[in-house]
């Protein structure tokens, strides 16, 4: 309160003192506002610079990750190309085999030769084997089998 009384004594009328006080306070508020605005602007600039640095660091990190992923995908693409090539080669070879089999079948149909001599020889071989077989026609019981083995000097269990 002392300060206000001194302030009012400097002026002849309380009204002029009050107006001067209001103008001074207004000037202080303006100055404070300017200072606050300046501080806010500096704070905004610092925040922008900091954010920019963080964004650059994040972008660099993202770029490194993308390079790593691309580096990992390059061999995979090579393997995929190799797999596609092998698949294509296999399909080509299967087509060749089918074509060869078709030509072979067509040649067999158009040929004068038949499989009759081979089949005849096979039948003769099987008949001879059946007629000269050492195995009896009827299955042996366990006792008969043991007796047969003993005759041939093979131990029986």
N, C-alpha and C. Protein backbone atom coordinates (compact mmCIF):
# COMPACT_ATOMS: atom_id res chain seq x y z
N UNK A 1 0.82 -1.19 0.00
CA UNK A 1 0.00 0.00 0.00
C UNK A 1 0.86 1.26 0.00
N UNK A 2 2.00 1.19 0.66
CA UNK A 2 2.89 2.35 0.71
C UNK A 2 3.28 2.76 -0.70
N UNK A 3 3.55 1.81 -1.50
CA UNK A 3 3.99 2.09 -2.87
C UNK A 3 2.90 2.80 -3.64
N UNK A 4 1.67 2.35 -3.43
CA UNK A 4 0.57 2.99 -4.13
C UNK A 4 0.38 4.44 -3.66
N UNK A 5 0.53 4.67 -2.35
CA UNK A 5 0.39 6.04 -1.83
C UNK A 5 1.47 6.94 -2.41
N UNK A 6 2.68 6.42 -2.50
CA UNK A 6 3.76 7.20 -3.10
C UNK A 6 3.46 7.48 -4.57
N UNK A 7 2.93 6.50 -5.20
CA UNK A 7 2.62 6.64 -6.61
C UNK A 7 1.56 7.72 -6.81
N UNK A 8 0.55 7.69 -5.93
CA UNK A 8 -0.52 8.69 -6.04
C UNK A 8 -0.02 10.10 -5.67
N UNK A 9 0.97 10.24 -4.81
CA UNK A 9 1.49 11.55 -4.40
C UNK A 9 2.24 12.23 -5.53
N UNK A 10 2.80 11.41 -6.44
CA UNK A 10 3.54 12.00 -7.55
C UNK A 10 2.62 12.81 -8.47
N UNK A 11 1.40 12.41 -8.51
CA UNK A 11 0.44 13.10 -9.37
C UNK A 11 -0.48 13.96 -8.53
N UNK A 12 -0.96 15.03 -9.11
CA UNK A 12 -1.79 15.97 -8.36
C UNK A 12 -3.17 15.43 -8.10
N UNK A 13 -3.71 14.70 -9.03
CA UNK A 13 -5.07 14.19 -8.80
C UNK A 13 -5.03 12.66 -8.81
N UNK A 14 -5.91 12.06 -8.02
CA UNK A 14 -5.93 10.60 -8.00
C UNK A 14 -6.34 10.02 -9.35
N UNK A 15 -7.14 10.78 -10.09
CA UNK A 15 -7.58 10.27 -11.38
C UNK A 15 -6.40 10.16 -12.33
N UNK A 16 -5.57 11.14 -12.44
CA UNK A 16 -4.41 11.08 -13.34
C UNK A 16 -3.43 10.00 -12.87
N UNK A 17 -3.33 9.82 -11.55
CA UNK A 17 -2.46 8.75 -11.03
C UNK A 17 -3.01 7.38 -11.43
N UNK A 18 -4.32 7.25 -11.34
CA UNK A 18 -4.94 5.98 -11.70
C UNK A 18 -4.76 5.69 -13.18
N UNK A 19 -4.95 6.68 -14.03
CA UNK A 19 -4.78 6.52 -15.48
C UNK A 19 -3.34 6.15 -15.78
N UNK A 20 -2.42 6.83 -15.15
CA UNK A 20 -1.00 6.53 -15.37
C UNK A 20 -0.68 5.11 -14.93
N UNK A 21 -1.24 4.72 -13.78
CA UNK A 21 -1.03 3.36 -13.29
C UNK A 21 -1.57 2.34 -14.28
N UNK A 22 -2.76 2.59 -14.77
CA UNK A 22 -3.37 1.66 -15.74
C UNK A 22 -2.54 1.59 -17.01
N UNK A 23 -2.08 2.75 -17.47
CA UNK A 23 -1.26 2.74 -18.68
C UNK A 23 0.06 2.01 -18.45
N UNK A 24 0.63 2.19 -17.28
CA UNK A 24 1.88 1.50 -16.95
C UNK A 24 1.66 -0.01 -16.91
N UNK A 25 0.56 -0.40 -16.24
CA UNK A 25 0.25 -1.84 -16.18
C UNK A 25 0.00 -2.40 -17.58
N UNK A 26 -0.70 -1.61 -18.38
CA UNK A 26 -0.95 -2.04 -19.75
C UNK A 26 0.35 -2.18 -20.52
N UNK A 27 1.25 -1.21 -20.32
CA UNK A 27 2.56 -1.29 -20.98
C UNK A 27 3.33 -2.51 -20.51
N UNK A 28 3.27 -2.77 -19.19
CA UNK A 28 3.94 -3.97 -18.66
C UNK A 28 3.34 -5.24 -19.25
N UNK A 29 2.01 -5.24 -19.36
CA UNK A 29 1.35 -6.42 -19.93
C UNK A 29 1.76 -6.61 -21.39
N UNK A 30 1.86 -5.51 -22.11
CA UNK A 30 2.28 -5.60 -23.51
C UNK A 30 3.70 -6.11 -23.59
N UNK A 31 4.57 -5.53 -22.75
CA UNK A 31 5.97 -5.97 -22.75
C UNK A 31 6.06 -7.43 -22.34
N UNK A 32 5.30 -7.79 -21.29
CA UNK A 32 5.30 -9.18 -20.84
C UNK A 32 4.75 -10.08 -21.94
N UNK A 33 3.72 -9.61 -22.62
CA UNK A 33 3.16 -10.39 -23.73
C UNK A 33 4.16 -10.57 -24.84
N UNK A 34 4.89 -9.51 -25.14
CA UNK A 34 5.92 -9.60 -26.18
C UNK A 34 7.00 -10.58 -25.75
N UNK A 35 7.39 -10.45 -24.48
CA UNK A 35 8.41 -11.38 -23.97
C UNK A 35 7.88 -12.81 -24.02
N UNK A 36 6.63 -12.97 -23.55
CA UNK A 36 6.04 -14.32 -23.60
C UNK A 36 5.93 -14.82 -25.03
N UNK A 37 5.56 -13.93 -25.92
CA UNK A 37 5.48 -14.32 -27.33
C UNK A 37 6.85 -14.70 -27.86
N UNK A 38 7.87 -13.90 -27.46
CA UNK A 38 9.23 -14.20 -27.89
C UNK A 38 9.68 -15.54 -27.32
N UNK A 39 9.38 -15.75 -26.03
CA UNK A 39 9.74 -17.03 -25.40
C UNK A 39 9.00 -18.17 -26.09
N UNK A 40 7.72 -17.94 -26.38
CA UNK A 40 6.94 -18.96 -27.08
C UNK A 40 7.50 -19.26 -28.46
N UNK A 41 7.92 -18.21 -29.15
CA UNK A 41 8.49 -18.38 -30.48
C UNK A 41 9.80 -19.15 -30.40
N UNK A 42 10.64 -18.78 -29.44
CA UNK A 42 11.91 -19.50 -29.26
C UNK A 42 11.62 -20.96 -28.92
N UNK A 43 10.65 -21.18 -28.02
CA UNK A 43 10.27 -22.54 -27.65
C UNK A 43 9.79 -23.32 -28.88
N UNK A 44 8.98 -22.67 -29.72
CA UNK A 44 8.49 -23.31 -30.95
C UNK A 44 9.63 -23.65 -31.89
N UNK A 45 10.60 -22.71 -32.00
CA UNK A 45 11.75 -22.96 -32.88
C UNK A 45 12.57 -24.13 -32.36
N UNK A 46 12.82 -24.15 -31.05
CA UNK A 46 13.59 -25.25 -30.46
C UNK A 46 12.86 -26.58 -30.65
N UNK A 47 11.55 -26.56 -30.44
CA UNK A 47 10.75 -27.78 -30.63
C UNK A 47 10.80 -28.23 -32.09
N UNK A 48 10.71 -27.28 -33.01
CA UNK A 48 10.75 -27.62 -34.44
C UNK A 48 12.09 -28.23 -34.81
N UNK A 49 13.18 -27.63 -34.30
CA UNK A 49 14.52 -28.17 -34.60
C UNK A 49 14.66 -29.57 -34.01
N UNK A 50 14.22 -29.74 -32.78
CA UNK A 50 14.30 -31.04 -32.13
C UNK A 50 13.48 -32.08 -32.89
N UNK A 51 12.27 -31.69 -33.27
CA UNK A 51 11.40 -32.60 -34.02
C UNK A 51 12.02 -32.94 -35.37
N UNK A 52 12.62 -31.94 -36.00
CA UNK A 52 13.26 -32.16 -37.29
C UNK A 52 14.40 -33.17 -37.16
N UNK A 53 15.21 -33.01 -36.11
CA UNK A 53 16.31 -33.96 -35.87
C UNK A 53 15.77 -35.36 -35.63
N UNK A 54 14.72 -35.45 -34.82
CA UNK A 54 14.14 -36.76 -34.54
C UNK A 54 13.56 -37.38 -35.81
N UNK A 55 12.92 -36.55 -36.63
CA UNK A 55 12.36 -37.05 -37.89
C UNK A 55 13.46 -37.54 -38.82
N UNK A 56 14.58 -36.78 -38.88
CA UNK A 56 15.69 -37.20 -39.73
C UNK A 56 16.27 -38.52 -39.23
N UNK A 57 16.41 -38.65 -37.91
CA UNK A 57 16.93 -39.90 -37.34
C UNK A 57 15.98 -41.05 -37.64
N UNK A 58 14.68 -40.81 -37.49
CA UNK A 58 13.69 -41.86 -37.77
C UNK A 58 13.70 -42.22 -39.25
N UNK A 59 13.83 -41.21 -40.12
CA UNK A 59 13.88 -41.48 -41.56
C UNK A 59 15.13 -42.29 -41.91
N UNK A 60 16.26 -41.94 -41.30
CA UNK A 60 17.49 -42.69 -41.55
C UNK A 60 17.34 -44.13 -41.08
N UNK A 61 16.73 -44.30 -39.91
CA UNK A 61 16.52 -45.65 -39.39
C UNK A 61 15.58 -46.44 -40.31
N UNK A 62 14.51 -45.80 -40.77
CA UNK A 62 13.58 -46.45 -41.69
C UNK A 62 14.29 -46.83 -42.99
N UNK A 63 15.16 -45.94 -43.45
CA UNK A 63 15.89 -46.22 -44.69
C UNK A 63 16.83 -47.41 -44.51
N UNK A 64 17.52 -47.48 -43.35
CA UNK A 64 18.39 -48.62 -43.08
C UNK A 64 17.58 -49.91 -43.02
N UNK A 65 16.42 -49.87 -42.37
CA UNK A 65 15.57 -51.07 -42.30
C UNK A 65 15.12 -51.50 -43.69
N UNK A 66 14.74 -50.52 -44.50
CA UNK A 66 14.30 -50.84 -45.85
C UNK A 66 15.44 -51.44 -46.67
N UNK A 67 16.65 -50.90 -46.50
CA UNK A 67 17.81 -51.47 -47.20
C UNK A 67 18.06 -52.90 -46.75
N UNK A 68 17.93 -53.15 -45.44
CA UNK A 68 18.12 -54.52 -44.93
C UNK A 68 17.07 -55.46 -45.51
N UNK A 69 15.83 -54.99 -45.55
CA UNK A 69 14.76 -55.83 -46.11
C UNK A 69 15.03 -56.09 -47.59
N UNK A 70 15.42 -55.05 -48.32
CA UNK A 70 15.71 -55.22 -49.75
C UNK A 70 16.89 -56.16 -49.95
N UNK A 71 17.91 -56.03 -49.08
CA UNK A 71 19.06 -56.92 -49.18
C UNK A 71 18.65 -58.37 -48.91
N UNK A 72 17.71 -58.55 -48.00
CA UNK A 72 17.24 -59.91 -47.70
C UNK A 72 16.35 -60.43 -48.83
N UNK A 73 15.63 -59.54 -49.50
CA UNK A 73 14.73 -59.97 -50.57
C UNK A 73 15.48 -60.31 -51.86
N UNK A 74 16.63 -59.70 -52.07
CA UNK A 74 17.37 -59.94 -53.31
C UNK A 74 17.74 -61.42 -53.47
N UNK A 75 18.35 -62.07 -52.46
CA UNK A 75 18.62 -63.50 -52.62
C UNK A 75 17.33 -64.32 -52.75
N UNK A 76 16.29 -63.89 -52.04
CA UNK A 76 15.01 -64.61 -52.14
C UNK A 76 14.48 -64.53 -53.56
N UNK A 77 14.62 -63.37 -54.18
CA UNK A 77 14.17 -63.23 -55.57
C UNK A 77 15.01 -64.13 -56.48
N UNK A 78 16.32 -64.22 -56.19
CA UNK A 78 17.18 -65.11 -56.96
C UNK A 78 16.76 -66.56 -56.80
N UNK A 79 16.45 -66.96 -55.57
CA UNK A 79 15.98 -68.34 -55.34
C UNK A 79 14.66 -68.58 -56.06
N UNK A 80 13.80 -67.57 -56.02
CA UNK A 80 12.51 -67.71 -56.71
C UNK A 80 12.73 -67.87 -58.21
N UNK A 81 13.68 -67.09 -58.76
CA UNK A 81 13.98 -67.21 -60.18
C UNK A 81 14.52 -68.60 -60.49
N UNK A 82 15.42 -69.10 -59.62
CA UNK A 82 15.96 -70.45 -59.81
C UNK A 82 14.85 -71.49 -59.74
N UNK A 83 13.95 -71.32 -58.77
CA UNK A 83 12.84 -72.27 -58.63
C UNK A 83 11.94 -72.23 -59.86
N UNK A 84 11.68 -71.03 -60.36
CA UNK A 84 10.86 -70.91 -61.57
C UNK A 84 11.55 -71.57 -62.75
N UNK A 85 12.87 -71.38 -62.85
CA UNK A 85 13.63 -71.99 -63.95
C UNK A 85 13.58 -73.51 -63.84
N UNK A 86 13.77 -74.03 -62.62
CA UNK A 86 13.72 -75.48 -62.43
C UNK A 86 12.33 -76.02 -62.76
N UNK A 87 11.31 -75.29 -62.35
CA UNK A 87 9.94 -75.71 -62.64
C UNK A 87 9.70 -75.74 -64.15
N UNK A 88 10.18 -74.71 -64.83
CA UNK A 88 10.02 -74.66 -66.29
C UNK A 88 10.78 -75.80 -66.94
N UNK A 89 12.02 -76.05 -66.48
CA UNK A 89 12.81 -77.16 -67.02
C UNK A 89 12.10 -78.49 -66.81
N UNK A 90 11.54 -78.68 -65.61
CA UNK A 90 10.84 -79.93 -65.31
C UNK A 90 9.63 -80.10 -66.24
N UNK A 91 8.89 -79.02 -66.46
CA UNK A 91 7.73 -79.10 -67.35
C UNK A 91 8.16 -79.43 -68.77
N UNK A 92 9.26 -78.81 -69.22
CA UNK A 92 9.76 -79.10 -70.57
C UNK A 92 10.17 -80.57 -70.67
N UNK A 93 10.87 -81.07 -69.65
CA UNK A 93 11.30 -82.47 -69.67
C UNK A 93 10.12 -83.43 -69.63
N UNK A 94 9.09 -83.08 -68.85
CA UNK A 94 7.90 -83.93 -68.81
C UNK A 94 7.21 -83.96 -70.18
N UNK A 95 7.16 -82.81 -70.83
CA UNK A 95 6.57 -82.76 -72.18
C UNK A 95 7.38 -83.62 -73.15
N UNK A 96 8.70 -83.54 -73.06
CA UNK A 96 9.55 -84.37 -73.93
C UNK A 96 9.31 -85.85 -73.67
N UNK A 97 9.21 -86.22 -72.38
CA UNK A 97 8.97 -87.63 -72.04
C UNK A 97 7.62 -88.09 -72.57
N UNK A 98 6.60 -87.24 -72.42
CA UNK A 98 5.28 -87.61 -72.95
C UNK A 98 5.33 -87.78 -74.47
N UNK A 99 6.02 -86.85 -75.12
CA UNK A 99 6.15 -86.94 -76.58
C UNK A 99 6.89 -88.20 -77.00
N UNK A 100 7.97 -88.53 -76.28
CA UNK A 100 8.73 -89.74 -76.59
C UNK A 100 7.88 -90.99 -76.38
N UNK A 101 7.11 -91.01 -75.28
CA UNK A 101 6.24 -92.16 -75.02
C UNK A 101 5.16 -92.28 -76.10
N UNK A 102 4.61 -91.14 -76.51
CA UNK A 102 3.60 -91.16 -77.57
C UNK A 102 4.19 -91.68 -78.88
N UNK A 103 5.42 -91.23 -79.22
CA UNK A 103 6.06 -91.74 -80.44
C UNK A 103 6.36 -93.23 -80.33
N UNK A 104 6.77 -93.67 -79.15
CA UNK A 104 7.06 -95.09 -78.94
C UNK A 104 5.79 -95.93 -79.10
N UNK A 105 4.68 -95.45 -78.50
CA UNK A 105 3.42 -96.17 -78.61
C UNK A 105 2.95 -96.22 -80.06
N UNK A 106 3.10 -95.10 -80.76
CA UNK A 106 2.69 -95.05 -82.16
C UNK A 106 3.55 -95.98 -83.00
N UNK A 107 4.85 -96.01 -82.73
CA UNK A 107 5.75 -96.90 -83.46
C UNK A 107 5.40 -98.36 -83.19
N UNK A 108 5.03 -98.68 -81.95
CA UNK A 108 4.65 -100.06 -81.63
C UNK A 108 3.38 -100.45 -82.36
N UNK A 109 2.44 -99.51 -82.47
CA UNK A 109 1.19 -99.82 -83.20
C UNK A 109 1.44 -99.99 -84.69
N UNK A 110 2.34 -99.20 -85.24
CA UNK A 110 2.61 -99.25 -86.68
C UNK A 110 3.62 -100.33 -87.05
N UNK A 111 4.22 -100.98 -86.07
CA UNK A 111 5.28 -101.96 -86.34
C UNK A 111 4.68 -103.32 -86.70
N UNK A 112 5.43 -104.08 -87.52
CA UNK A 112 5.03 -105.45 -87.86
C UNK A 112 5.41 -106.40 -86.74
N UNK A 113 6.35 -106.00 -85.94
CA UNK A 113 6.80 -106.86 -84.84
C UNK A 113 5.78 -106.79 -83.72
N UNK A 114 5.63 -107.92 -83.05
CA UNK A 114 4.73 -107.97 -81.91
C UNK A 114 5.48 -108.55 -80.73
N UNK A 115 4.83 -108.60 -79.62
CA UNK A 115 5.44 -109.18 -78.42
C UNK A 115 5.14 -110.67 -78.31
N UNK A 116 4.54 -111.24 -79.34
CA UNK A 116 4.14 -112.65 -79.29
C UNK A 116 5.31 -113.59 -79.02
N UNK A 117 6.47 -113.45 -79.70
CA UNK A 117 7.58 -114.38 -79.39
C UNK A 117 8.04 -114.28 -77.94
N UNK A 118 8.06 -113.09 -77.42
CA UNK A 118 8.48 -112.91 -76.03
C UNK A 118 7.46 -113.54 -75.09
N UNK A 119 6.19 -113.33 -75.36
CA UNK A 119 5.15 -113.91 -74.50
C UNK A 119 5.16 -115.43 -74.58
N UNK A 120 5.41 -115.96 -75.78
CA UNK A 120 5.46 -117.42 -75.95
C UNK A 120 6.60 -118.00 -75.12
N UNK A 121 7.77 -117.38 -75.19
CA UNK A 121 8.92 -117.87 -74.42
C UNK A 121 8.64 -117.76 -72.93
N UNK A 122 8.00 -116.73 -72.51
CA UNK A 122 7.68 -116.55 -71.08
C UNK A 122 6.72 -117.65 -70.62
N UNK A 123 5.70 -117.95 -71.44
CA UNK A 123 4.75 -119.02 -71.08
C UNK A 123 5.46 -120.36 -70.96
N UNK A 124 6.36 -120.65 -71.91
CA UNK A 124 7.11 -121.90 -71.86
C UNK A 124 7.94 -122.00 -70.59
N UNK A 125 8.62 -120.90 -70.24
CA UNK A 125 9.45 -120.87 -69.03
C UNK A 125 8.60 -121.12 -67.79
N UNK A 126 7.44 -120.48 -67.71
CA UNK A 126 6.59 -120.65 -66.53
C UNK A 126 6.03 -122.07 -66.44
N UNK A 127 5.67 -122.67 -67.60
CA UNK A 127 5.18 -124.06 -67.57
C UNK A 127 6.26 -125.01 -67.10
N UNK A 128 7.48 -124.84 -67.60
CA UNK A 128 8.59 -125.70 -67.20
C UNK A 128 8.85 -125.56 -65.71
N UNK A 129 8.80 -124.37 -65.24
CA UNK A 129 9.04 -124.13 -63.81
C UNK A 129 7.95 -124.80 -62.97
N UNK A 130 6.71 -124.70 -63.43
CA UNK A 130 5.61 -125.32 -62.68
C UNK A 130 5.74 -126.84 -62.66
N UNK A 131 6.13 -127.42 -63.80
CA UNK A 131 6.23 -128.88 -63.89
C UNK A 131 7.41 -129.42 -63.12
N UNK A 132 8.52 -128.70 -63.08
CA UNK A 132 9.73 -129.19 -62.43
C UNK A 132 9.91 -128.64 -61.01
N UNK A 133 8.87 -128.14 -60.44
CA UNK A 133 9.04 -127.52 -59.13
C UNK A 133 9.37 -128.56 -58.08
N UNK A 134 10.23 -128.19 -57.16
CA UNK A 134 10.61 -129.07 -56.07
C UNK A 134 9.60 -129.02 -54.94
N UNK A 135 8.83 -128.00 -54.91
CA UNK A 135 7.85 -127.86 -53.84
C UNK A 135 6.64 -128.72 -54.16
N UNK A 136 6.15 -129.45 -53.14
CA UNK A 136 4.95 -130.24 -53.38
C UNK A 136 3.75 -129.30 -53.59
N UNK A 137 2.74 -129.81 -54.25
CA UNK A 137 1.58 -129.00 -54.57
C UNK A 137 0.81 -128.64 -53.32
N UNK A 138 0.61 -129.63 -52.44
CA UNK A 138 -0.14 -129.37 -51.21
C UNK A 138 0.82 -128.79 -50.17
N UNK A 139 0.37 -127.85 -49.37
CA UNK A 139 1.24 -127.32 -48.32
C UNK A 139 1.50 -128.38 -47.25
N UNK A 140 2.70 -128.35 -46.69
CA UNK A 140 3.09 -129.35 -45.69
C UNK A 140 2.69 -128.88 -44.30
N UNK A 141 2.42 -129.85 -43.44
CA UNK A 141 2.18 -129.51 -42.05
C UNK A 141 3.54 -129.26 -41.39
N UNK A 142 3.53 -128.79 -40.16
CA UNK A 142 4.79 -128.49 -39.47
C UNK A 142 5.63 -129.75 -39.28
N UNK A 143 4.99 -130.86 -38.95
CA UNK A 143 5.73 -132.12 -38.72
C UNK A 143 6.34 -132.60 -40.03
N UNK A 144 5.57 -132.55 -41.13
CA UNK A 144 6.09 -132.99 -42.43
C UNK A 144 7.23 -132.08 -42.89
N UNK A 145 7.09 -130.80 -42.64
CA UNK A 145 8.14 -129.85 -43.01
C UNK A 145 9.42 -130.14 -42.24
N UNK A 146 9.31 -130.41 -40.95
CA UNK A 146 10.49 -130.74 -40.15
C UNK A 146 11.13 -132.03 -40.65
N UNK A 147 10.31 -133.02 -40.99
CA UNK A 147 10.85 -134.29 -41.50
C UNK A 147 11.59 -134.06 -42.80
N UNK A 148 11.03 -133.24 -43.69
CA UNK A 148 11.68 -132.93 -44.97
C UNK A 148 13.00 -132.20 -44.75
N UNK A 149 13.03 -131.28 -43.79
CA UNK A 149 14.27 -130.56 -43.49
C UNK A 149 15.33 -131.49 -42.90
N UNK A 150 14.92 -132.43 -42.06
CA UNK A 150 15.87 -133.38 -41.47
C UNK A 150 16.46 -134.26 -42.56
N UNK A 151 15.64 -134.67 -43.55
CA UNK A 151 16.15 -135.47 -44.66
C UNK A 151 17.25 -134.72 -45.40
N UNK A 152 17.11 -133.44 -45.51
CA UNK A 152 18.09 -132.62 -46.24
C UNK A 152 19.22 -132.13 -45.32
N UNK A 153 19.23 -132.65 -44.11
CA UNK A 153 20.27 -132.33 -43.12
C UNK A 153 20.26 -130.84 -42.74
N UNK A 154 19.08 -130.28 -42.59
CA UNK A 154 18.91 -128.91 -42.14
C UNK A 154 18.27 -128.98 -40.77
N UNK A 155 18.85 -128.35 -39.76
CA UNK A 155 18.27 -128.45 -38.41
C UNK A 155 16.88 -127.81 -38.36
N UNK A 156 15.99 -128.46 -37.66
CA UNK A 156 14.61 -127.99 -37.51
C UNK A 156 14.42 -127.48 -36.10
N UNK A 157 13.74 -126.42 -35.94
CA UNK A 157 13.51 -125.86 -34.61
C UNK A 157 12.41 -126.55 -33.89
